[in-house]
Amino acid sequence: MQNAFVESFIGRFRDECLNKNLFDNLSEARQTIEIWRIDYNTQRPHTSLGGLAPAVYAKTQRKRPASPELIESSAQQALTTTLNRETNVNRLST
């Protein structure tokens, strides 16, 4: 089933980004693809996520409390550190 999602994404990426742009150099291709990726992950609603953009969906999932066995574990500490770094990076990029 995962292959179907990958194939769907590749087709969408090709149709919406690669086929609509002509790149003169690698730097221009990277910039255009990054703009498309940001839009795809932060603005565009996805039916598989209940009509939410992936970034919005991820925020709703992070608000759930951790299970009791993870609250003081190293896994929870690592997750918290990672989320804090992502938040700081996002603040800097906006």
C-alpha atoms as a PDB file:
ATOM      1  CA  MET A   1       0.000   0.000   0.000  1.00  0.00           C
ATOM      2  CA  GLN A   2       2.867   2.392   0.753  1.00  0.00           C
ATOM      3  CA  ASN A   3       4.022   2.137  -2.863  1.00  0.00           C
ATOM      4  CA  ALA A   4       0.655   3.522  -4.011  1.00  0.00           C
ATOM      5  CA  PHE A   5       1.184   6.647  -1.892  1.00  0.00           C
ATOM      6  CA  VAL A   6       4.698   7.113  -3.249  1.00  0.00           C
ATOM      7  CA  GLU A   7       3.533   6.682  -6.834  1.00  0.00           C
ATOM      8  CA  SER A   8       0.710   9.164  -6.242  1.00  0.00           C
ATOM      9  CA  PHE A   9       3.124  11.719  -4.793  1.00  0.00           C
ATOM     10  CA  ILE A  10       5.640  11.270  -7.622  1.00  0.00           C
ATOM     11  CA  GLY A  11       2.898  11.734 -10.212  1.00  0.00           C
ATOM     12  CA  ARG A  12       1.609  14.852  -8.488  1.00  0.00           C
ATOM     13  CA  PHE A  13       5.143  16.259  -8.131  1.00  0.00           C
ATOM     14  CA  ARG A  14       5.844  15.633 -11.800  1.00  0.00           C
ATOM     15  CA  ASP A  15       2.543  17.142 -12.990  1.00  0.00           C
ATOM     16  CA  GLU A  16       2.478  20.167 -10.693  1.00  0.00           C
ATOM     17  CA  CYS A  17       6.146  21.085 -10.486  1.00  0.00           C
ATOM     18  CA  LEU A  18       8.494  19.432 -12.941  1.00  0.00           C
ATOM     19  CA  ASN A  19       6.286  19.558 -16.051  1.00  0.00           C
ATOM     20  CA  LYS A  20       5.330  23.211 -15.439  1.00  0.00           C
ATOM     21  CA  ASN A  21       8.846  24.587 -15.043  1.00  0.00           C
ATOM     22  CA  LEU A  22      11.887  24.808 -17.250  1.00  0.00           C
ATOM     23  CA  PHE A  23      15.044  25.090 -15.190  1.00  0.00           C
ATOM     24  CA  ASP A  24      18.129  26.887 -16.470  1.00  0.00           C
ATOM     25  CA  ASN A  25      20.416  25.577 -13.742  1.00  0.00           C
ATOM     26  CA  LEU A  26      20.506  23.362 -10.670  1.00  0.00           C
ATOM     27  CA  SER A  27      20.149  26.280  -8.251  1.00  0.00           C
ATOM     28  CA  GLU A  28      16.924  27.411  -9.924  1.00  0.00           C
ATOM     29  CA  ALA A  29      15.572  23.845  -9.857  1.00  0.00           C
ATOM     30  CA  ARG A  30      16.328  23.511  -6.140  1.00  0.00           C
ATOM     31  CA  GLN A  31      14.658  26.835  -5.340  1.00  0.00           C
ATOM     32  CA  THR A  32      11.508  26.052  -7.335  1.00  0.00           C
ATOM     33  CA  ILE A  33      11.222  22.548  -5.902  1.00  0.00           C
ATOM     34  CA  GLU A  34      11.676  23.869  -2.352  1.00  0.00           C
ATOM     35  CA  ILE A  35       8.877  26.411  -2.856  1.00  0.00           C
ATOM     36  CA  TRP A  36       6.614  23.630  -4.152  1.00  0.00           C
ATOM     37  CA  ARG A  37       7.559  21.348  -1.232  1.00  0.00           C
ATOM     38  CA  ILE A  38       6.794  24.006   1.350  1.00  0.00           C
ATOM     39  CA  ASP A  39       3.408  24.689  -0.233  1.00  0.00           C
ATOM     40  CA  TYR A  40       2.642  20.963  -0.441  1.00  0.00           C
ATOM     41  CA  ASN A  41       3.494  20.372   3.226  1.00  0.00           C
ATOM     42  CA  THR A  42       2.165  23.537   4.843  1.00  0.00           C
ATOM     43  CA  GLN A  43      -0.680  25.003   2.803  1.00  0.00           C
ATOM     44  CA  ARG A  44      -2.320  22.316   0.707  1.00  0.00           C
ATOM     45  CA  PRO A  45      -5.075  20.201   2.266  1.00  0.00           C
ATOM     46  CA  HIS A  46      -4.696  16.429   1.960  1.00  0.00           C
ATOM     47  CA  THR A  47      -7.751  14.168   1.901  1.00  0.00           C
ATOM     48  CA  SER A  48      -5.862  11.417   3.735  1.00  0.00           C
ATOM     49  CA  LEU A  49      -5.425  13.829   6.664  1.00  0.00           C
ATOM     50  CA  GLY A  50      -9.064  14.848   6.868  1.00  0.00           C
ATOM     51  CA  GLY A  51      -8.637  17.907   4.680  1.00  0.00           C
ATOM     52  CA  LEU A  52      -5.765  19.346   6.716  1.00  0.00           C
ATOM     53  CA  ALA A  53      -2.341  20.360   5.514  1.00  0.00           C
ATOM     54  CA  PRO A  54       0.398  18.059   6.863  1.00  0.00           C
ATOM     55  CA  ALA A  55       1.877  20.805   9.052  1.00  0.00           C
ATOM     56  CA  VAL A  56      -1.505  21.521  10.650  1.00  0.00           C
ATOM     57  CA  TYR A  57      -2.188  17.810  11.132  1.00  0.00           C
ATOM     58  CA  ALA A  58       1.206  17.301  12.787  1.00  0.00           C
ATOM     59  CA  LYS A  59       0.513  20.117  15.241  1.00  0.00           C
ATOM     60  CA  THR A  60      -2.798  18.537  16.245  1.00  0.00           C
ATOM     61  CA  GLN A  61      -1.051  15.220  16.875  1.00  0.00           C
ATOM     62  CA  ARG A  62       1.695  16.789  19.001  1.00  0.00           C
ATOM     63  CA  LYS A  63      -0.850  18.195  21.444  1.00  0.00           C
ATOM     64  CA  ARG A  64      -1.865  14.739  22.594  1.00  0.00           C
ATOM     65  CA  PRO A  65      -0.351  13.819  25.947  1.00  0.00           C
ATOM     66  CA  ALA A  66       2.366  11.221  25.926  1.00  0.00           C
ATOM     67  CA  SER A  67       1.586   7.803  27.263  1.00  0.00           C
ATOM     68  CA  PRO A  68       2.585   7.382  30.929  1.00  0.00           C
ATOM     69  CA  GLU A  69       5.449   5.026  30.126  1.00  0.00           C
ATOM     70  CA  LEU A  70       7.035   7.625  27.816  1.00  0.00           C
ATOM     71  CA  ILE A  71       6.734  10.725  29.996  1.00  0.00           C
ATOM     72  CA  GLU A  72      10.121  10.340  31.714  1.00  0.00           C
ATOM     73  CA  SER A  73      11.780   8.118  29.133  1.00  0.00           C
ATOM     74  CA  SER A  74      14.714   8.964  26.915  1.00  0.00           C
ATOM     75  CA  ALA A  75      12.436   8.625  23.879  1.00  0.00           C
ATOM     76  CA  GLN A  76      10.161  11.385  25.185  1.00  0.00           C
ATOM     77  CA  GLN A  77      13.157  13.590  25.974  1.00  0.00           C
ATOM     78  CA  ALA A  78      14.545  13.082  22.469  1.00  0.00           C
ATOM     79  CA  LEU A  79      11.162  13.839  20.916  1.00  0.00           C
ATOM     80  CA  THR A  80      10.795  17.018  22.970  1.00  0.00           C
ATOM     81  CA  THR A  81      14.284  18.159  21.978  1.00  0.00           C
ATOM     82  CA  THR A  82      13.541  17.490  18.298  1.00  0.00           C
ATOM     83  CA  LEU A  83      10.223  19.354  18.436  1.00  0.00           C
ATOM     84  CA  ASN A  84      11.862  22.328  20.123  1.00  0.00           C
ATOM     85  CA  ARG A  85      14.542  22.458  17.424  1.00  0.00           C
ATOM     86  CA  GLU A  86      11.884  22.292  14.680  1.00  0.00           C
ATOM     87  CA  THR A  87       9.965  25.120  16.314  1.00  0.00           C
ATOM     88  CA  ASN A  88      13.097  27.272  16.517  1.00  0.00           C
ATOM     89  CA  VAL A  89      13.995  26.568  12.888  1.00  0.00           C
ATOM     90  CA  ASN A  90      10.456  27.401  11.781  1.00  0.00           C
ATOM     91  CA  ARG A  91      10.559  30.682  13.713  1.00  0.00           C
ATOM     92  CA  LEU A  92      13.804  31.638  12.020  1.00  0.00           C
ATOM     93  CA  SER A  93      12.537  30.833   8.534  1.00  0.00           C
ATOM     94  CA  THR A  94       9.354  32.907   8.826  1.00  0.00           C
END
